[in-house]
């Protein structure tokens, strides 16, 4: 892996279902082949358990737990490298 290889994840705190439409969009994009299923895992949605009041839920701990549980998938997953760049593309994945 070279210096420019990037693995990243985005953690979204889904307070009161705010990001439910985005989650549905990603699911549909995977179903229609616009996003590889493995790449959908780059978005981590943190939901409040139904039995807990969202106002008292520890969102910070839940976000850190989600980040700690995420593992880099390794080469061939979602990799941007300078070698993948040419005049017609921004990145390969």
N, C-alpha and C. Protein backbone atom coordinates (compact mmCIF):
# COMPACT_ATOMS: atom_id res chain seq x y z
N UNK A 1 0.85 -1.16 0.00
CA UNK A 1 0.00 0.00 0.00
C UNK A 1 0.90 1.23 0.00
N UNK A 2 0.62 2.17 -0.89
CA UNK A 2 1.45 3.36 -0.92
C UNK A 2 0.84 4.49 -0.09
N UNK A 3 1.53 5.58 -0.03
CA UNK A 3 1.14 6.72 0.80
C UNK A 3 -0.24 7.25 0.42
N UNK A 4 -0.61 7.16 -0.84
CA UNK A 4 -1.84 7.78 -1.31
C UNK A 4 -3.05 6.85 -1.27
N UNK A 5 -2.88 5.64 -0.82
CA UNK A 5 -4.01 4.74 -0.70
C UNK A 5 -4.88 5.18 0.46
N UNK A 6 -6.18 5.21 0.24
CA UNK A 6 -7.09 5.76 1.23
C UNK A 6 -8.19 4.75 1.57
N UNK A 7 -8.34 4.46 2.83
CA UNK A 7 -9.48 3.70 3.33
C UNK A 7 -10.16 4.59 4.35
N UNK A 8 -11.44 4.76 4.22
CA UNK A 8 -12.13 5.63 5.14
C UNK A 8 -13.56 5.15 5.36
N UNK A 9 -14.14 5.58 6.43
CA UNK A 9 -15.54 5.30 6.72
C UNK A 9 -16.17 6.59 7.22
N UNK A 10 -17.46 6.71 7.02
CA UNK A 10 -18.22 7.86 7.50
C UNK A 10 -19.22 7.36 8.51
N UNK A 11 -19.21 7.97 9.69
CA UNK A 11 -20.16 7.60 10.74
C UNK A 11 -21.25 8.67 10.77
N UNK A 12 -22.49 8.22 10.63
CA UNK A 12 -23.63 9.12 10.67
C UNK A 12 -24.48 8.81 11.89
N UNK A 13 -24.70 9.81 12.72
CA UNK A 13 -25.55 9.64 13.90
C UNK A 13 -26.99 9.86 13.44
N UNK A 14 -27.73 8.79 13.37
CA UNK A 14 -29.08 8.80 12.79
C UNK A 14 -30.12 9.20 13.84
N UNK A 15 -30.01 10.42 14.32
CA UNK A 15 -30.90 10.93 15.37
C UNK A 15 -32.30 11.10 14.79
N UNK A 16 -33.26 10.45 15.45
CA UNK A 16 -34.67 10.50 15.05
C UNK A 16 -34.88 10.12 13.59
N UNK A 17 -34.02 9.24 13.07
CA UNK A 17 -34.17 8.75 11.70
C UNK A 17 -33.81 9.75 10.62
N UNK A 18 -33.06 10.79 10.98
CA UNK A 18 -32.73 11.84 10.01
C UNK A 18 -32.08 11.29 8.74
N UNK A 19 -31.19 10.30 8.89
CA UNK A 19 -30.46 9.77 7.73
C UNK A 19 -31.13 8.53 7.11
N UNK A 20 -32.35 8.21 7.50
CA UNK A 20 -33.05 7.07 6.90
C UNK A 20 -33.19 7.22 5.37
N UNK A 21 -33.52 8.42 4.85
CA UNK A 21 -33.58 8.56 3.39
C UNK A 21 -32.24 8.29 2.71
N UNK A 22 -31.13 8.69 3.32
CA UNK A 22 -29.82 8.42 2.75
C UNK A 22 -29.53 6.92 2.77
N UNK A 23 -29.89 6.25 3.85
CA UNK A 23 -29.70 4.80 3.94
C UNK A 23 -30.50 4.10 2.83
N UNK A 24 -31.75 4.55 2.61
CA UNK A 24 -32.58 3.96 1.54
C UNK A 24 -31.97 4.24 0.17
N UNK A 25 -31.44 5.43 -0.03
CA UNK A 25 -30.79 5.78 -1.31
C UNK A 25 -29.60 4.86 -1.57
N UNK A 26 -28.79 4.62 -0.57
CA UNK A 26 -27.63 3.75 -0.72
C UNK A 26 -28.08 2.32 -1.03
N UNK A 27 -29.09 1.84 -0.32
CA UNK A 27 -29.61 0.49 -0.59
C UNK A 27 -30.10 0.37 -2.02
N UNK A 28 -30.83 1.38 -2.50
CA UNK A 28 -31.32 1.35 -3.88
C UNK A 28 -30.17 1.43 -4.88
N UNK A 29 -29.17 2.25 -4.58
CA UNK A 29 -28.02 2.36 -5.47
C UNK A 29 -27.28 1.03 -5.58
N UNK A 30 -27.20 0.30 -4.49
CA UNK A 30 -26.58 -1.03 -4.51
C UNK A 30 -27.46 -1.98 -5.33
N UNK A 31 -28.77 -1.95 -5.08
CA UNK A 31 -29.69 -2.85 -5.78
C UNK A 31 -29.66 -2.63 -7.29
N UNK A 32 -29.46 -1.39 -7.72
CA UNK A 32 -29.45 -1.08 -9.15
C UNK A 32 -28.05 -1.09 -9.75
N UNK A 33 -27.05 -1.41 -8.93
CA UNK A 33 -25.69 -1.56 -9.44
C UNK A 33 -24.87 -0.30 -9.55
N UNK A 34 -25.33 0.80 -8.96
CA UNK A 34 -24.55 2.04 -9.00
C UNK A 34 -23.44 2.06 -7.95
N UNK A 35 -23.63 1.30 -6.89
CA UNK A 35 -22.64 1.18 -5.82
C UNK A 35 -22.40 -0.30 -5.57
N UNK A 36 -21.15 -0.69 -5.46
CA UNK A 36 -20.85 -2.08 -5.10
C UNK A 36 -21.30 -2.31 -3.65
N UNK A 37 -21.86 -3.47 -3.41
CA UNK A 37 -22.39 -3.78 -2.08
C UNK A 37 -21.33 -3.59 -1.00
N UNK A 38 -20.10 -3.99 -1.29
CA UNK A 38 -19.04 -3.86 -0.30
C UNK A 38 -18.75 -2.39 0.02
N UNK A 39 -18.97 -1.49 -0.92
CA UNK A 39 -18.70 -0.08 -0.69
C UNK A 39 -19.77 0.60 0.15
N UNK A 40 -20.95 0.01 0.22
CA UNK A 40 -22.00 0.56 1.07
C UNK A 40 -21.58 0.53 2.53
N UNK A 41 -20.67 -0.37 2.88
CA UNK A 41 -20.20 -0.47 4.27
C UNK A 41 -19.30 0.68 4.68
N UNK A 42 -19.00 1.57 3.76
CA UNK A 42 -18.20 2.75 4.11
C UNK A 42 -19.03 3.77 4.88
N UNK A 43 -20.34 3.64 4.83
CA UNK A 43 -21.25 4.51 5.58
C UNK A 43 -21.73 3.71 6.79
N UNK A 44 -21.44 4.20 7.97
CA UNK A 44 -21.85 3.53 9.20
C UNK A 44 -22.97 4.36 9.83
N UNK A 45 -24.14 3.78 9.94
CA UNK A 45 -25.27 4.46 10.55
C UNK A 45 -25.37 4.03 12.01
N UNK A 46 -25.40 5.01 12.90
CA UNK A 46 -25.55 4.73 14.32
C UNK A 46 -26.98 5.11 14.70
N UNK A 47 -27.75 4.11 15.13
CA UNK A 47 -29.14 4.31 15.51
C UNK A 47 -29.30 4.19 17.01
N UNK A 48 -30.25 4.91 17.53
CA UNK A 48 -30.60 4.80 18.94
C UNK A 48 -31.48 3.57 19.11
N UNK A 49 -31.20 2.73 20.11
CA UNK A 49 -32.07 1.58 20.35
C UNK A 49 -33.51 2.07 20.62
N UNK A 50 -34.50 1.33 20.15
CA UNK A 50 -35.90 1.80 20.28
C UNK A 50 -36.36 2.00 21.72
N UNK A 51 -35.76 1.27 22.65
CA UNK A 51 -36.19 1.39 24.05
C UNK A 51 -35.52 2.54 24.80
N UNK A 52 -34.64 3.29 24.11
CA UNK A 52 -33.90 4.38 24.75
C UNK A 52 -34.38 5.72 24.17
N UNK A 53 -34.50 6.70 25.04
CA UNK A 53 -34.87 8.05 24.61
C UNK A 53 -33.68 8.67 23.88
N UNK A 54 -33.86 9.14 22.63
CA UNK A 54 -32.74 9.72 21.88
C UNK A 54 -32.08 10.91 22.59
N UNK A 55 -32.85 11.59 23.44
CA UNK A 55 -32.29 12.74 24.15
C UNK A 55 -31.30 12.32 25.23
N UNK A 56 -31.42 11.08 25.71
CA UNK A 56 -30.51 10.62 26.76
C UNK A 56 -29.51 9.59 26.26
N UNK A 57 -29.64 9.19 25.00
CA UNK A 57 -28.73 8.20 24.42
C UNK A 57 -27.33 8.79 24.32
N UNK A 58 -26.32 7.99 24.62
CA UNK A 58 -24.93 8.43 24.54
C UNK A 58 -24.42 8.28 23.11
N UNK A 59 -24.70 9.27 22.28
CA UNK A 59 -24.34 9.24 20.86
C UNK A 59 -22.83 9.19 20.66
N UNK A 60 -22.09 9.87 21.51
CA UNK A 60 -20.63 9.90 21.38
C UNK A 60 -20.01 8.53 21.57
N UNK A 61 -20.43 7.83 22.62
CA UNK A 61 -19.91 6.48 22.87
C UNK A 61 -20.32 5.53 21.75
N UNK A 62 -21.57 5.67 21.27
CA UNK A 62 -22.04 4.82 20.19
C UNK A 62 -21.23 5.06 18.91
N UNK A 63 -20.91 6.33 18.63
CA UNK A 63 -20.11 6.65 17.44
C UNK A 63 -18.70 6.07 17.56
N UNK A 64 -18.09 6.22 18.72
CA UNK A 64 -16.74 5.67 18.92
C UNK A 64 -16.75 4.14 18.84
N UNK A 65 -17.79 3.53 19.36
CA UNK A 65 -17.91 2.08 19.29
C UNK A 65 -18.04 1.63 17.83
N UNK A 66 -18.81 2.37 17.04
CA UNK A 66 -18.96 2.04 15.61
C UNK A 66 -17.62 2.17 14.89
N UNK A 67 -16.88 3.21 15.20
CA UNK A 67 -15.56 3.40 14.57
C UNK A 67 -14.59 2.31 14.99
N UNK A 68 -14.62 1.95 16.26
CA UNK A 68 -13.72 0.91 16.75
C UNK A 68 -14.05 -0.45 16.15
N UNK A 69 -15.30 -0.67 15.81
CA UNK A 69 -15.71 -1.94 15.22
C UNK A 69 -15.46 -2.04 13.73
N UNK A 70 -15.21 -0.90 13.08
CA UNK A 70 -15.00 -0.90 11.63
C UNK A 70 -13.58 -1.34 11.33
N UNK A 71 -13.45 -2.20 10.35
CA UNK A 71 -12.13 -2.68 9.94
C UNK A 71 -11.89 -2.35 8.49
N UNK A 72 -10.70 -1.92 8.19
CA UNK A 72 -10.31 -1.66 6.81
C UNK A 72 -10.41 -2.96 6.03
N UNK A 73 -11.07 -2.93 4.90
CA UNK A 73 -11.27 -4.15 4.14
C UNK A 73 -10.04 -4.64 3.40
N UNK A 74 -9.03 -3.80 3.30
CA UNK A 74 -7.82 -4.21 2.60
C UNK A 74 -7.84 -3.85 1.13
N UNK A 75 -6.82 -4.20 0.41
CA UNK A 75 -6.69 -3.83 -1.00
C UNK A 75 -7.85 -4.37 -1.84
N UNK A 76 -8.20 -3.59 -2.86
CA UNK A 76 -9.22 -4.00 -3.78
C UNK A 76 -10.63 -3.64 -3.37
N UNK A 77 -10.77 -2.96 -2.27
CA UNK A 77 -12.09 -2.62 -1.77
C UNK A 77 -12.53 -1.28 -2.34
N UNK A 78 -12.01 -0.23 -1.83
CA UNK A 78 -12.30 1.12 -2.30
C UNK A 78 -10.98 1.87 -2.17
N UNK A 79 -10.19 1.82 -3.20
CA UNK A 79 -8.82 2.33 -3.12
C UNK A 79 -8.62 3.41 -4.17
N UNK A 80 -8.15 4.53 -3.71
CA UNK A 80 -7.75 5.60 -4.62
C UNK A 80 -6.24 5.68 -4.58
N UNK A 81 -5.60 5.61 -5.71
CA UNK A 81 -4.16 5.76 -5.77
C UNK A 81 -3.81 6.69 -6.92
N UNK A 82 -2.66 7.29 -6.85
CA UNK A 82 -2.22 8.13 -7.96
C UNK A 82 -2.07 7.31 -9.23
N UNK A 83 -1.70 6.04 -9.08
CA UNK A 83 -1.54 5.18 -10.25
C UNK A 83 -2.86 4.97 -10.97
N UNK A 84 -3.98 5.12 -10.27
CA UNK A 84 -5.29 4.90 -10.89
C UNK A 84 -5.77 6.12 -11.66
N UNK A 85 -5.09 7.23 -11.53
CA UNK A 85 -5.54 8.46 -12.17
C UNK A 85 -5.01 8.56 -13.58
N UNK A 86 -5.85 8.98 -14.49
CA UNK A 86 -5.43 9.33 -15.83
C UNK A 86 -6.27 10.51 -16.31
N UNK A 87 -6.18 10.88 -17.55
CA UNK A 87 -6.87 12.06 -18.06
C UNK A 87 -8.39 11.89 -18.04
N UNK A 88 -8.89 10.67 -18.04
CA UNK A 88 -10.33 10.46 -18.14
C UNK A 88 -11.00 10.00 -16.86
N UNK A 89 -10.24 9.73 -15.82
CA UNK A 89 -10.85 9.25 -14.59
C UNK A 89 -10.32 10.01 -13.40
N UNK A 90 -11.10 10.00 -12.35
CA UNK A 90 -10.66 10.62 -11.10
C UNK A 90 -10.11 9.55 -10.19
N UNK A 91 -10.75 8.42 -10.13
CA UNK A 91 -10.28 7.32 -9.28
C UNK A 91 -10.87 6.02 -9.78
N UNK A 92 -10.25 4.94 -9.39
CA UNK A 92 -10.82 3.63 -9.69
C UNK A 92 -11.24 3.00 -8.38
N UNK A 93 -12.28 2.26 -8.44
CA UNK A 93 -12.76 1.57 -7.25
C UNK A 93 -13.60 0.40 -7.65
